[in-house]
N, C-alpha and C. Protein backbone atom coordinates (compact mmCIF):
# COMPACT_ATOMS: atom_id res chain seq x y z
N MET A 1 -7.33 -151.74 26.83
CA MET A 1 -6.21 -151.31 27.85
C MET A 1 -7.01 -151.04 29.02
N ALA A 2 -6.52 -151.51 30.04
CA ALA A 2 -7.13 -151.30 31.33
C ALA A 2 -7.07 -150.05 32.30
N ALA A 3 -7.71 -149.43 32.81
CA ALA A 3 -7.34 -147.97 33.54
C ALA A 3 -6.07 -148.32 34.53
N VAL A 4 -5.43 -147.52 34.41
CA VAL A 4 -4.36 -147.51 35.90
C VAL A 4 -4.42 -146.73 36.54
N ALA A 5 -4.51 -147.11 37.96
CA ALA A 5 -4.53 -145.99 39.06
C ALA A 5 -3.50 -144.95 39.30
N LEU A 6 -3.49 -143.73 39.28
CA LEU A 6 -2.67 -142.72 39.46
C LEU A 6 -2.02 -143.08 40.92
N CYS A 7 -1.18 -143.81 41.11
CA CYS A 7 -0.27 -144.43 42.30
C CYS A 7 -1.05 -145.48 42.83
N ALA A 8 -1.39 -146.44 42.09
CA ALA A 8 -1.66 -147.88 42.58
C ALA A 8 -0.60 -148.38 43.56
N GLY A 9 -1.14 -148.88 44.70
CA GLY A 9 -0.23 -149.53 45.64
C GLY A 9 0.91 -148.87 46.13
N CYS A 10 0.71 -147.39 45.95
CA CYS A 10 1.99 -146.47 46.39
C CYS A 10 2.44 -146.27 47.79
N GLY A 11 0.84 -146.76 48.50
CA GLY A 11 1.28 -146.55 49.88
C GLY A 11 0.93 -145.14 50.65
N GLN A 12 0.60 -144.43 49.83
CA GLN A 12 0.14 -143.13 50.09
C GLN A 12 -1.13 -143.24 51.01
N ARG A 13 -1.49 -142.20 52.02
CA ARG A 13 -2.60 -142.07 52.56
C ARG A 13 -3.52 -141.62 51.97
N PRO A 14 -4.74 -141.82 51.75
CA PRO A 14 -5.71 -140.66 50.75
C PRO A 14 -5.59 -139.27 51.24
N ILE A 15 -6.10 -138.53 50.08
CA ILE A 15 -6.39 -137.15 50.11
C ILE A 15 -7.59 -137.18 51.17
N PRO A 16 -7.53 -136.25 52.08
CA PRO A 16 -8.84 -136.25 53.30
C PRO A 16 -9.67 -135.93 52.70
N ASN A 17 -10.58 -136.77 53.29
CA ASN A 17 -12.27 -136.97 52.95
C ASN A 17 -12.61 -137.41 51.63
N THR A 18 -11.36 -138.30 51.03
CA THR A 18 -11.41 -138.98 49.74
C THR A 18 -10.96 -140.51 49.95
N ASP A 19 -10.96 -141.17 48.96
CA ASP A 19 -10.58 -142.61 48.68
C ASP A 19 -9.27 -142.41 47.71
N VAL A 20 -8.88 -141.18 47.36
CA VAL A 20 -7.97 -140.98 46.36
C VAL A 20 -6.68 -141.00 47.05
N PRO A 21 -5.59 -141.81 46.68
CA PRO A 21 -4.15 -141.55 47.19
C PRO A 21 -3.94 -140.11 47.21
N ASP A 22 -2.90 -139.74 48.44
CA ASP A 22 -2.62 -138.26 48.24
C ASP A 22 -0.99 -138.19 47.36
N THR A 23 -1.30 -137.79 46.27
CA THR A 23 -0.20 -137.39 45.41
C THR A 23 -0.58 -136.06 44.83
N ALA A 24 0.61 -135.42 43.88
CA ALA A 24 0.38 -134.06 43.60
C ALA A 24 -0.44 -134.07 42.46
N ILE A 25 -0.52 -135.01 41.75
CA ILE A 25 -1.42 -135.05 40.73
C ILE A 25 -2.74 -135.46 40.90
N ASN A 26 -2.90 -136.13 41.79
CA ASN A 26 -4.38 -136.51 42.18
C ASN A 26 -4.96 -135.02 43.02
N ARG A 27 -4.10 -134.11 43.73
CA ARG A 27 -4.80 -133.15 44.54
C ARG A 27 -5.06 -132.30 43.22
N ASP A 28 -4.07 -132.20 42.13
CA ASP A 28 -4.64 -131.16 40.86
C ASP A 28 -6.00 -131.68 40.36
N ILE A 29 -6.33 -133.07 40.39
CA ILE A 29 -7.60 -133.24 39.79
C ILE A 29 -8.46 -133.23 40.77
N ILE A 30 -8.37 -133.48 42.16
CA ILE A 30 -9.59 -132.83 43.09
C ILE A 30 -9.60 -131.35 42.80
N LYS A 31 -8.91 -130.78 43.04
CA LYS A 31 -8.88 -129.36 42.98
C LYS A 31 -9.69 -128.88 41.68
N PHE A 32 -9.46 -129.54 40.79
CA PHE A 32 -10.15 -129.15 39.35
C PHE A 32 -11.90 -129.52 39.75
N MET A 33 -11.78 -130.78 40.36
CA MET A 33 -13.24 -131.14 40.25
C MET A 33 -13.76 -130.70 41.31
N GLU A 34 -13.39 -129.92 42.40
CA GLU A 34 -14.17 -129.19 43.30
C GLU A 34 -14.35 -127.66 42.76
N VAL A 35 -13.56 -127.45 41.72
CA VAL A 35 -14.30 -126.20 41.18
C VAL A 35 -15.46 -126.48 40.21
N TYR A 36 -15.44 -127.70 39.92
CA TYR A 36 -16.85 -128.04 38.86
C TYR A 36 -17.59 -127.85 39.76
N ARG A 37 -17.40 -128.91 41.08
CA ARG A 37 -18.74 -128.72 42.11
C ARG A 37 -19.38 -127.51 42.71
N ARG A 38 -18.33 -126.76 42.83
CA ARG A 38 -18.40 -125.45 43.21
C ARG A 38 -19.57 -124.42 42.18
N ALA A 39 -19.05 -124.59 41.23
CA ALA A 39 -19.59 -124.48 39.87
C ALA A 39 -21.12 -124.65 39.43
N VAL A 40 -21.42 -126.19 39.84
CA VAL A 40 -22.72 -126.63 39.68
C VAL A 40 -23.49 -125.91 40.93
N GLU A 41 -22.97 -125.92 42.33
CA GLU A 41 -23.98 -125.21 43.25
C GLU A 41 -24.26 -123.85 43.13
N LYS A 42 -23.01 -123.26 42.69
CA LYS A 42 -23.47 -121.87 41.97
C LYS A 42 -24.31 -121.71 40.61
N ARG A 43 -24.71 -122.78 40.20
CA ARG A 43 -25.50 -122.87 38.75
C ARG A 43 -24.63 -122.04 37.60
N ASP A 44 -23.45 -121.91 37.59
CA ASP A 44 -22.78 -121.21 36.50
C ASP A 44 -22.17 -121.87 35.60
N ALA A 45 -23.23 -121.52 34.36
CA ALA A 45 -23.21 -122.40 33.42
C ALA A 45 -22.20 -121.77 32.40
N PRO A 46 -21.66 -120.49 32.40
CA PRO A 46 -20.51 -120.08 31.79
C PRO A 46 -19.23 -120.80 32.37
N ALA A 47 -19.21 -121.05 33.42
CA ALA A 47 -18.10 -121.66 34.30
C ALA A 47 -17.86 -123.06 33.64
N LEU A 48 -19.00 -123.97 34.01
CA LEU A 48 -19.31 -125.21 33.60
C LEU A 48 -18.60 -125.42 32.13
N ILE A 49 -19.24 -124.60 31.06
CA ILE A 49 -18.76 -124.56 29.77
C ILE A 49 -17.24 -124.63 29.60
N SER A 50 -16.79 -123.65 30.28
CA SER A 50 -15.50 -123.52 29.91
C SER A 50 -14.47 -124.38 30.47
N MET A 51 -15.10 -125.33 31.39
CA MET A 51 -14.28 -126.36 32.08
C MET A 51 -14.51 -127.68 30.93
N ALA A 52 -15.52 -127.85 30.25
CA ALA A 52 -15.85 -128.69 28.98
C ALA A 52 -14.97 -128.81 27.97
N SER A 53 -14.34 -129.74 27.60
CA SER A 53 -13.70 -130.15 25.92
C SER A 53 -14.19 -129.36 25.02
N HIS A 54 -13.60 -128.87 23.80
CA HIS A 54 -14.53 -129.01 22.84
C HIS A 54 -14.87 -130.32 22.13
N GLN A 55 -14.22 -131.31 22.49
CA GLN A 55 -14.87 -132.80 22.12
C GLN A 55 -15.62 -133.42 23.18
N TYR A 56 -16.15 -132.68 23.91
CA TYR A 56 -16.91 -133.23 24.67
C TYR A 56 -18.15 -134.07 24.24
N TYR A 57 -18.23 -135.14 25.01
CA TYR A 57 -19.40 -136.00 24.20
C TYR A 57 -19.83 -136.90 25.36
N ASP A 58 -21.06 -136.99 25.53
CA ASP A 58 -21.80 -138.08 26.42
C ASP A 58 -22.97 -138.47 26.33
N ASP A 59 -22.95 -139.97 25.98
CA ASP A 59 -24.22 -140.57 25.16
C ASP A 59 -25.17 -140.84 26.37
N ASN A 60 -24.81 -140.34 27.55
CA ASN A 60 -25.82 -140.62 28.91
C ASN A 60 -26.17 -142.05 29.00
N GLY A 61 -25.54 -143.07 28.64
CA GLY A 61 -25.25 -144.39 29.11
C GLY A 61 -26.48 -144.88 28.24
N THR A 62 -27.09 -144.43 27.36
CA THR A 62 -27.98 -145.10 26.74
C THR A 62 -27.44 -145.53 25.19
N PRO A 63 -28.21 -146.55 24.59
CA PRO A 63 -27.88 -146.96 23.30
C PRO A 63 -28.45 -145.91 22.00
N GLY A 64 -29.64 -145.35 22.22
CA GLY A 64 -30.33 -144.44 21.31
C GLY A 64 -29.50 -143.08 21.28
N GLY A 65 -29.34 -142.20 20.46
CA GLY A 65 -28.74 -140.83 20.17
C GLY A 65 -29.57 -139.73 20.75
N ALA A 66 -30.71 -139.80 21.02
CA ALA A 66 -31.57 -138.88 21.46
C ALA A 66 -31.40 -138.25 22.42
N ASP A 67 -30.91 -138.51 23.54
CA ASP A 67 -30.18 -137.94 24.57
C ASP A 67 -28.63 -137.56 24.60
N ASP A 68 -28.12 -137.83 23.24
CA ASP A 68 -26.54 -137.67 23.31
C ASP A 68 -26.50 -136.13 23.70
N VAL A 69 -25.18 -135.85 24.13
CA VAL A 69 -24.93 -134.39 24.65
C VAL A 69 -23.48 -134.23 23.92
N ASP A 70 -23.26 -133.26 23.02
CA ASP A 70 -21.76 -132.54 22.34
C ASP A 70 -21.55 -131.26 22.90
N PHE A 71 -20.29 -130.88 22.59
CA PHE A 71 -20.12 -129.43 23.08
C PHE A 71 -21.20 -128.47 22.98
N ARG A 72 -21.58 -128.57 21.44
CA ARG A 72 -22.40 -127.42 21.08
C ARG A 72 -23.95 -127.36 22.33
N THR A 73 -24.34 -128.95 22.31
CA THR A 73 -25.90 -128.89 22.90
C THR A 73 -25.63 -129.06 24.30
N LEU A 74 -24.30 -129.21 24.67
CA LEU A 74 -24.03 -128.90 26.40
C LEU A 74 -24.45 -127.40 26.94
N LYS A 75 -24.37 -126.63 25.84
CA LYS A 75 -24.55 -125.09 26.20
C LYS A 75 -25.89 -125.12 26.40
N GLU A 76 -26.83 -125.30 25.41
CA GLU A 76 -28.07 -125.53 25.27
C GLU A 76 -28.81 -126.31 26.73
N VAL A 77 -28.13 -127.51 27.02
CA VAL A 77 -28.77 -128.16 28.11
C VAL A 77 -28.08 -127.52 29.30
N LEU A 78 -27.35 -126.72 29.72
CA LEU A 78 -26.81 -126.11 30.79
C LEU A 78 -27.83 -124.88 30.94
N LYS A 79 -27.82 -124.22 29.88
CA LYS A 79 -28.92 -122.91 30.01
C LYS A 79 -30.21 -123.35 30.22
N ALA A 80 -30.95 -124.63 29.65
CA ALA A 80 -32.06 -124.79 30.58
C ALA A 80 -32.20 -125.37 31.88
N TRP A 81 -31.13 -126.03 32.18
CA TRP A 81 -31.06 -126.37 33.71
C TRP A 81 -30.82 -125.33 34.50
N VAL A 82 -30.15 -124.37 34.09
CA VAL A 82 -30.20 -123.27 34.92
C VAL A 82 -31.35 -122.32 35.05
N ALA A 83 -32.17 -122.24 33.75
CA ALA A 83 -33.37 -121.75 33.93
C ALA A 83 -34.37 -122.52 34.96
N ARG A 84 -34.26 -123.93 34.83
CA ARG A 84 -35.47 -124.62 35.49
C ARG A 84 -34.87 -124.86 37.19
N VAL A 85 -33.64 -124.64 37.34
CA VAL A 85 -33.27 -125.17 38.67
C VAL A 85 -32.80 -123.58 39.39
N ARG A 86 -33.33 -123.76 40.71
CA ARG A 86 -33.15 -122.48 41.39
C ARG A 86 -32.15 -122.32 42.59
N ASP A 87 -31.96 -123.64 42.96
CA ASP A 87 -30.83 -123.37 43.90
C ASP A 87 -30.25 -125.33 43.99
N VAL A 88 -29.27 -125.39 44.39
CA VAL A 88 -28.27 -126.54 44.66
C VAL A 88 -27.46 -126.61 45.74
N ARG A 89 -27.82 -127.96 46.12
CA ARG A 89 -26.39 -128.78 47.00
C ARG A 89 -26.06 -129.98 46.55
N TYR A 90 -24.85 -129.62 46.34
CA TYR A 90 -24.04 -130.96 45.63
C TYR A 90 -22.55 -131.00 46.30
N GLU A 91 -22.72 -132.54 47.05
CA GLU A 91 -21.68 -133.13 47.78
C GLU A 91 -20.94 -134.29 46.82
N ILE A 92 -19.73 -134.29 46.81
CA ILE A 92 -19.01 -135.34 46.04
C ILE A 92 -18.03 -135.99 47.08
N ARG A 93 -18.30 -137.44 47.02
CA ARG A 93 -17.17 -138.03 47.70
C ARG A 93 -16.18 -139.04 46.65
N TYR A 94 -14.99 -138.33 46.52
CA TYR A 94 -13.92 -138.97 45.62
C TYR A 94 -13.56 -140.70 45.89
N ARG A 95 -13.95 -141.18 44.92
CA ARG A 95 -13.45 -142.93 45.44
C ARG A 95 -12.11 -143.17 44.62
N ALA A 96 -11.99 -142.85 43.47
CA ALA A 96 -10.54 -143.21 42.76
C ALA A 96 -10.26 -142.46 41.47
N VAL A 97 -9.30 -142.22 41.26
CA VAL A 97 -8.50 -141.35 40.10
C VAL A 97 -7.43 -142.37 39.45
N THR A 98 -7.97 -142.83 37.73
CA THR A 98 -7.18 -143.90 36.98
C THR A 98 -6.95 -142.92 35.94
N SER A 99 -6.20 -143.68 34.80
CA SER A 99 -6.20 -142.99 33.53
C SER A 99 -5.79 -143.92 32.71
N GLU A 100 -6.07 -143.74 31.36
CA GLU A 100 -5.70 -144.96 30.44
C GLU A 100 -5.39 -143.91 29.22
N SER A 101 -4.48 -143.98 28.62
CA SER A 101 -4.14 -143.24 27.45
C SER A 101 -4.12 -141.97 28.04
N GLU A 102 -4.93 -140.89 27.18
CA GLU A 102 -4.82 -139.43 27.41
C GLU A 102 -5.77 -139.21 28.38
N ARG A 103 -6.64 -140.06 28.70
CA ARG A 103 -8.24 -139.92 29.51
C ARG A 103 -7.57 -140.15 31.11
N ILE A 104 -8.25 -139.13 31.73
CA ILE A 104 -8.18 -139.36 33.35
C ILE A 104 -9.66 -139.69 34.01
N PHE A 105 -9.88 -140.65 34.40
CA PHE A 105 -11.38 -140.84 35.01
C PHE A 105 -11.46 -140.73 36.55
N VAL A 106 -12.26 -140.11 36.93
CA VAL A 106 -12.75 -139.62 38.24
C VAL A 106 -13.75 -140.54 38.57
N GLU A 107 -13.90 -141.19 39.72
CA GLU A 107 -15.26 -142.22 40.11
C GLU A 107 -15.34 -141.54 41.31
N PHE A 108 -16.46 -141.29 41.65
CA PHE A 108 -17.11 -140.38 42.68
C PHE A 108 -18.77 -140.72 42.83
N THR A 109 -18.90 -140.86 44.02
CA THR A 109 -20.29 -140.94 44.63
C THR A 109 -20.87 -139.55 45.01
N TYR A 110 -22.17 -139.32 44.60
CA TYR A 110 -22.87 -137.86 44.65
C TYR A 110 -23.88 -137.60 45.19
N SER A 111 -24.13 -136.83 46.00
CA SER A 111 -25.32 -136.44 46.63
C SER A 111 -25.76 -135.12 46.00
N GLY A 112 -26.78 -134.99 45.51
CA GLY A 112 -27.39 -133.54 44.95
C GLY A 112 -28.94 -133.26 45.37
N SER A 113 -29.08 -132.18 45.85
CA SER A 113 -30.32 -131.66 46.12
C SER A 113 -30.76 -130.55 45.32
N PHE A 114 -31.61 -130.68 44.19
CA PHE A 114 -32.13 -129.51 43.49
C PHE A 114 -33.19 -129.03 43.72
N LEU A 115 -33.56 -127.19 43.98
CA LEU A 115 -34.86 -126.92 43.81
C LEU A 115 -35.40 -126.56 42.73
N VAL A 116 -36.45 -127.29 42.34
CA VAL A 116 -36.58 -127.39 40.91
C VAL A 116 -37.82 -126.59 40.40
N ASP A 117 -37.79 -125.54 39.71
CA ASP A 117 -39.16 -124.72 39.16
C ASP A 117 -40.22 -125.45 38.66
N LEU A 118 -41.27 -125.78 38.74
CA LEU A 118 -42.40 -126.45 38.19
C LEU A 118 -43.29 -125.55 37.70
N LYS A 119 -44.32 -125.82 36.92
CA LYS A 119 -45.56 -125.31 36.68
C LYS A 119 -46.29 -124.63 37.77
N ASP A 120 -46.63 -125.45 38.73
CA ASP A 120 -47.25 -125.35 39.92
C ASP A 120 -46.64 -124.79 41.29
N GLY A 121 -45.08 -124.48 40.77
CA GLY A 121 -44.56 -124.13 41.96
C GLY A 121 -42.91 -124.71 42.05
N GLU A 122 -42.25 -124.48 43.20
CA GLU A 122 -41.01 -125.28 43.10
C GLU A 122 -41.00 -126.44 44.24
N THR A 123 -40.03 -127.35 44.13
CA THR A 123 -39.74 -128.57 44.52
C THR A 123 -38.45 -128.88 45.08
N TRP A 124 -38.06 -129.61 45.78
CA TRP A 124 -36.58 -129.94 45.94
C TRP A 124 -36.51 -131.50 45.73
N ARG A 125 -35.76 -131.53 44.72
CA ARG A 125 -35.61 -133.20 44.12
C ARG A 125 -33.89 -133.34 44.70
N ARG A 126 -34.06 -134.90 44.68
CA ARG A 126 -32.41 -135.35 45.19
C ARG A 126 -32.10 -136.69 44.34
N ARG A 127 -30.83 -136.38 44.20
CA ARG A 127 -30.28 -137.53 43.41
C ARG A 127 -29.03 -137.95 44.14
N ILE A 128 -28.85 -139.38 44.31
CA ILE A 128 -27.64 -139.97 44.83
C ILE A 128 -27.32 -141.11 43.85
N GLY A 129 -25.95 -140.96 43.91
CA GLY A 129 -25.49 -142.15 42.61
C GLY A 129 -24.21 -142.12 42.59
N ASP A 130 -23.43 -143.09 41.93
CA ASP A 130 -22.14 -143.21 41.74
C ASP A 130 -21.56 -142.99 40.30
N HIS A 131 -20.75 -142.02 39.89
CA HIS A 131 -20.50 -141.59 38.36
C HIS A 131 -19.25 -141.43 38.00
N ARG A 132 -18.82 -141.64 37.10
CA ARG A 132 -17.86 -141.27 36.63
C ARG A 132 -17.39 -140.17 35.66
N MET A 133 -16.55 -139.23 35.68
CA MET A 133 -16.31 -138.06 34.88
C MET A 133 -14.89 -138.48 34.10
N THR A 134 -15.00 -138.09 32.94
CA THR A 134 -13.60 -138.42 31.93
C THR A 134 -12.97 -136.83 31.75
N LEU A 135 -11.96 -136.90 32.14
CA LEU A 135 -10.93 -135.63 31.99
C LEU A 135 -9.71 -136.05 31.05
N VAL A 136 -9.42 -134.68 30.55
CA VAL A 136 -8.06 -134.84 29.47
C VAL A 136 -7.28 -133.30 29.92
N ARG A 137 -6.19 -133.81 29.90
CA ARG A 137 -4.87 -132.91 30.32
C ARG A 137 -5.42 -131.50 29.17
N ASP A 138 -5.06 -130.42 29.34
CA ASP A 138 -5.48 -129.11 28.56
C ASP A 138 -4.27 -128.06 28.78
N SER A 139 -3.50 -128.01 28.08
CA SER A 139 -2.31 -126.90 28.57
C SER A 139 -2.98 -125.23 28.66
N GLU A 140 -4.26 -125.10 27.74
CA GLU A 140 -4.96 -123.88 27.22
C GLU A 140 -5.79 -123.57 28.67
N HIS A 141 -6.08 -124.46 29.26
CA HIS A 141 -7.01 -124.00 30.57
C HIS A 141 -5.99 -123.84 31.84
N PRO A 142 -6.68 -122.76 32.52
CA PRO A 142 -5.64 -122.58 33.39
C PRO A 142 -5.45 -123.91 34.55
N SER A 143 -6.69 -124.72 34.97
CA SER A 143 -6.30 -125.84 35.87
C SER A 143 -5.52 -126.90 35.20
N GLY A 144 -5.55 -126.88 33.72
CA GLY A 144 -4.66 -127.82 32.90
C GLY A 144 -5.71 -128.98 32.62
N TYR A 145 -6.61 -129.14 32.97
CA TYR A 145 -7.76 -130.17 32.47
C TYR A 145 -9.13 -129.63 31.92
N ARG A 146 -9.66 -130.39 31.22
CA ARG A 146 -11.02 -130.02 30.61
C ARG A 146 -11.83 -131.38 30.85
N ILE A 147 -12.95 -130.94 30.99
CA ILE A 147 -14.04 -132.28 31.01
C ILE A 147 -14.37 -133.01 29.61
N LEU A 148 -14.22 -134.50 29.29
CA LEU A 148 -14.48 -134.80 28.16
C LEU A 148 -16.08 -135.54 28.23
N SER A 149 -16.44 -136.05 29.35
CA SER A 149 -17.93 -136.23 29.68
C SER A 149 -17.99 -136.60 31.01
N GLY A 150 -19.30 -136.76 31.39
CA GLY A 150 -19.75 -136.88 32.42
C GLY A 150 -20.47 -135.60 33.27
N MET A 151 -20.66 -134.78 32.43
CA MET A 151 -21.30 -133.57 33.32
C MET A 151 -22.65 -133.94 33.69
């Protein structure tokens, strides 16, 4: 089954500074994503974990399972990340919001600069790329969403 744009061809203007049609549901999703983005910048592991679904699973795009992350290992990964990264600048350009069954896909381009603690000092590292985060509706979370994969 193909993913369906949330408002495909609806003629809506995009939400400012995005390519996403301006609808109530898309605004809610972008608002959730901005909470995520700010939590990344703050290196707020507890906030990021609270945004993750207990069914969180990410295979990191590789065939082997050595780098797969589930909800339990996400906590460990984020704890190590916070210990290693001293400062973050993280920007997101939202490209599309689509859905398929119960899943919502947020396509975006990100630019992240990270001050990383190395054995011999600190250095800034930069990553730029296209990414997709998968969300699911969750009435128990204040935002109404949780992240299934893509952190």
